[in-house]
Amino acid sequence: MPMVVTLDAVLSDRGMTGKELARQVGISETQLSLFRSGKVRGIRFATLARLCLALDCQPGDLLGYDPDPADATVQEADAA
């Protein structure tokens, strides 16, 4: 998947644990762990906003994009 979750780097920069963040944001440690590992297919904007508030960051600080050539093929098929 071309989306890369960079939450671990932000947590490290802030000297915060995932447990602390999950408690502040109001989600389970399991949910946060799944997001950190990139195993989720989506995230609610409200949850993303709470993560950004707790970490004093922007959504782009938590997510990156690594283009996958296979995605271009899917995009071309969708346009046809």
C-alpha atoms as a PDB file:
ATOM      1  CA  MET A   1       0.000   0.000   0.000  1.00  0.00           C
ATOM      2  CA  PRO A   2       1.415   3.403  -0.899  1.00  0.00           C
ATOM      3  CA  MET A   3       0.293   5.076   2.343  1.00  0.00           C
ATOM      4  CA  VAL A   4       3.001   5.022   5.003  1.00  0.00           C
ATOM      5  CA  VAL A   5       2.193   5.671   8.655  1.00  0.00           C
ATOM      6  CA  THR A   6       4.952   7.723  10.280  1.00  0.00           C
ATOM      7  CA  LEU A   7       3.358   7.962  13.718  1.00  0.00           C
ATOM      8  CA  ASP A   8       6.242   6.146  15.427  1.00  0.00           C
ATOM      9  CA  ALA A   9       8.674   8.892  14.410  1.00  0.00           C
ATOM     10  CA  VAL A  10       6.357  11.602  15.763  1.00  0.00           C
ATOM     11  CA  LEU A  11       5.890   9.699  19.024  1.00  0.00           C
ATOM     12  CA  SER A  12       9.649   9.351  19.361  1.00  0.00           C
ATOM     13  CA  ASP A  13      10.182  13.075  18.700  1.00  0.00           C
ATOM     14  CA  ARG A  14       7.610  13.920  21.370  1.00  0.00           C
ATOM     15  CA  GLY A  15       8.986  11.395  23.887  1.00  0.00           C
ATOM     16  CA  MET A  16       5.521   9.895  24.177  1.00  0.00           C
ATOM     17  CA  THR A  17       4.435   6.277  24.343  1.00  0.00           C
ATOM     18  CA  GLY A  18       1.626   4.733  22.349  1.00  0.00           C
ATOM     19  CA  LYS A  19      -0.138   3.956  25.608  1.00  0.00           C
ATOM     20  CA  GLU A  20      -0.108   7.628  26.623  1.00  0.00           C
ATOM     21  CA  LEU A  21      -1.320   8.717  23.191  1.00  0.00           C
ATOM     22  CA  ALA A  22      -4.137   6.156  23.096  1.00  0.00           C
ATOM     23  CA  ARG A  23      -5.336   7.360  26.495  1.00  0.00           C
ATOM     24  CA  GLN A  24      -5.229  11.049  25.452  1.00  0.00           C
ATOM     25  CA  VAL A  25      -7.007  10.408  22.160  1.00  0.00           C
ATOM     26  CA  GLY A  26      -9.608   8.067  23.619  1.00  0.00           C
ATOM     27  CA  ILE A  27      -8.908   4.990  21.527  1.00  0.00           C
ATOM     28  CA  SER A  28      -7.730   1.555  22.535  1.00  0.00           C
ATOM     29  CA  GLU A  29      -4.073   0.640  22.452  1.00  0.00           C
ATOM     30  CA  THR A  30      -5.028  -2.093  19.986  1.00  0.00           C
ATOM     31  CA  GLN A  31      -6.599   0.413  17.600  1.00  0.00           C
ATOM     32  CA  LEU A  32      -3.542   2.646  17.841  1.00  0.00           C
ATOM     33  CA  SER A  33      -1.235  -0.317  17.290  1.00  0.00           C
ATOM     34  CA  LEU A  34      -3.130  -1.333  14.157  1.00  0.00           C
ATOM     35  CA  PHE A  35      -2.849   2.207  12.811  1.00  0.00           C
ATOM     36  CA  ARG A  36       0.863   2.396  13.652  1.00  0.00           C
ATOM     37  CA  SER A  37       1.526  -0.855  11.798  1.00  0.00           C
ATOM     38  CA  GLY A  38      -0.397   0.276   8.726  1.00  0.00           C
ATOM     39  CA  LYS A  39      -2.867  -2.603   9.032  1.00  0.00           C
ATOM     40  CA  VAL A  40      -5.957  -0.400   8.920  1.00  0.00           C
ATOM     41  CA  ARG A  41      -7.631   0.548   5.648  1.00  0.00           C
ATOM     42  CA  GLY A  42      -8.896   3.883   6.907  1.00  0.00           C
ATOM     43  CA  ILE A  43      -9.087   6.304   9.787  1.00  0.00           C
ATOM     44  CA  ARG A  44     -11.869   8.674  10.770  1.00  0.00           C
ATOM     45  CA  PHE A  45     -11.073  12.346  10.367  1.00  0.00           C
ATOM     46  CA  ALA A  46     -12.206  12.913  13.951  1.00  0.00           C
ATOM     47  CA  THR A  47      -9.633  10.386  15.201  1.00  0.00           C
ATOM     48  CA  LEU A  48      -6.941  11.893  12.995  1.00  0.00           C
ATOM     49  CA  ALA A  49      -7.805  15.338  14.359  1.00  0.00           C
ATOM     50  CA  ARG A  50      -7.514  14.096  17.952  1.00  0.00           C
ATOM     51  CA  LEU A  51      -4.136  12.499  17.152  1.00  0.00           C
ATOM     52  CA  CYS A  52      -2.916  15.780  15.671  1.00  0.00           C
ATOM     53  CA  LEU A  53      -4.188  17.754  18.661  1.00  0.00           C
ATOM     54  CA  ALA A  54      -2.502  15.433  21.158  1.00  0.00           C
ATOM     55  CA  LEU A  55       0.772  15.433  19.213  1.00  0.00           C
ATOM     56  CA  ASP A  56       0.666  19.101  18.130  1.00  0.00           C
ATOM     57  CA  CYS A  57       1.208  18.135  14.507  1.00  0.00           C
ATOM     58  CA  GLN A  58      -0.420  18.107  11.075  1.00  0.00           C
ATOM     59  CA  PRO A  59      -1.938  15.030   9.346  1.00  0.00           C
ATOM     60  CA  GLY A  60       0.986  15.048   6.913  1.00  0.00           C
ATOM     61  CA  ASP A  61       3.318  14.493   9.850  1.00  0.00           C
ATOM     62  CA  LEU A  62       1.565  11.169  10.550  1.00  0.00           C
ATOM     63  CA  LEU A  63       1.098   9.913   6.995  1.00  0.00           C
ATOM     64  CA  GLY A  64       3.323   9.684   3.959  1.00  0.00           C
ATOM     65  CA  TYR A  65       2.824   8.556   0.377  1.00  0.00           C
ATOM     66  CA  ASP A  66       5.119   6.116  -1.412  1.00  0.00           C
ATOM     67  CA  PRO A  67       3.808   5.693  -4.974  1.00  0.00           C
ATOM     68  CA  ASP A  68       3.177   2.143  -6.124  1.00  0.00           C
ATOM     69  CA  PRO A  69       3.386   1.550  -9.914  1.00  0.00           C
ATOM     70  CA  ALA A  70       0.468  -0.895  -9.603  1.00  0.00           C
ATOM     71  CA  ASP A  71      -1.765   1.983  -8.510  1.00  0.00           C
ATOM     72  CA  ALA A  72      -1.306   3.693 -11.882  1.00  0.00           C
ATOM     73  CA  THR A  73      -2.755   0.630 -13.607  1.00  0.00           C
ATOM     74  CA  VAL A  74      -5.801   0.696 -11.330  1.00  0.00           C
ATOM     75  CA  GLN A  75      -6.217   4.429 -11.903  1.00  0.00           C
ATOM     76  CA  GLU A  76      -6.127   3.980 -15.692  1.00  0.00           C
ATOM     77  CA  ALA A  77      -8.717   1.200 -15.491  1.00  0.00           C
ATOM     78  CA  ASP A  78     -10.994   3.396 -13.366  1.00  0.00           C
ATOM     79  CA  ALA A  79     -10.771   6.220 -15.919  1.00  0.00           C
ATOM     80  CA  ALA A  80     -11.848   3.977 -18.825  1.00  0.00           C
END
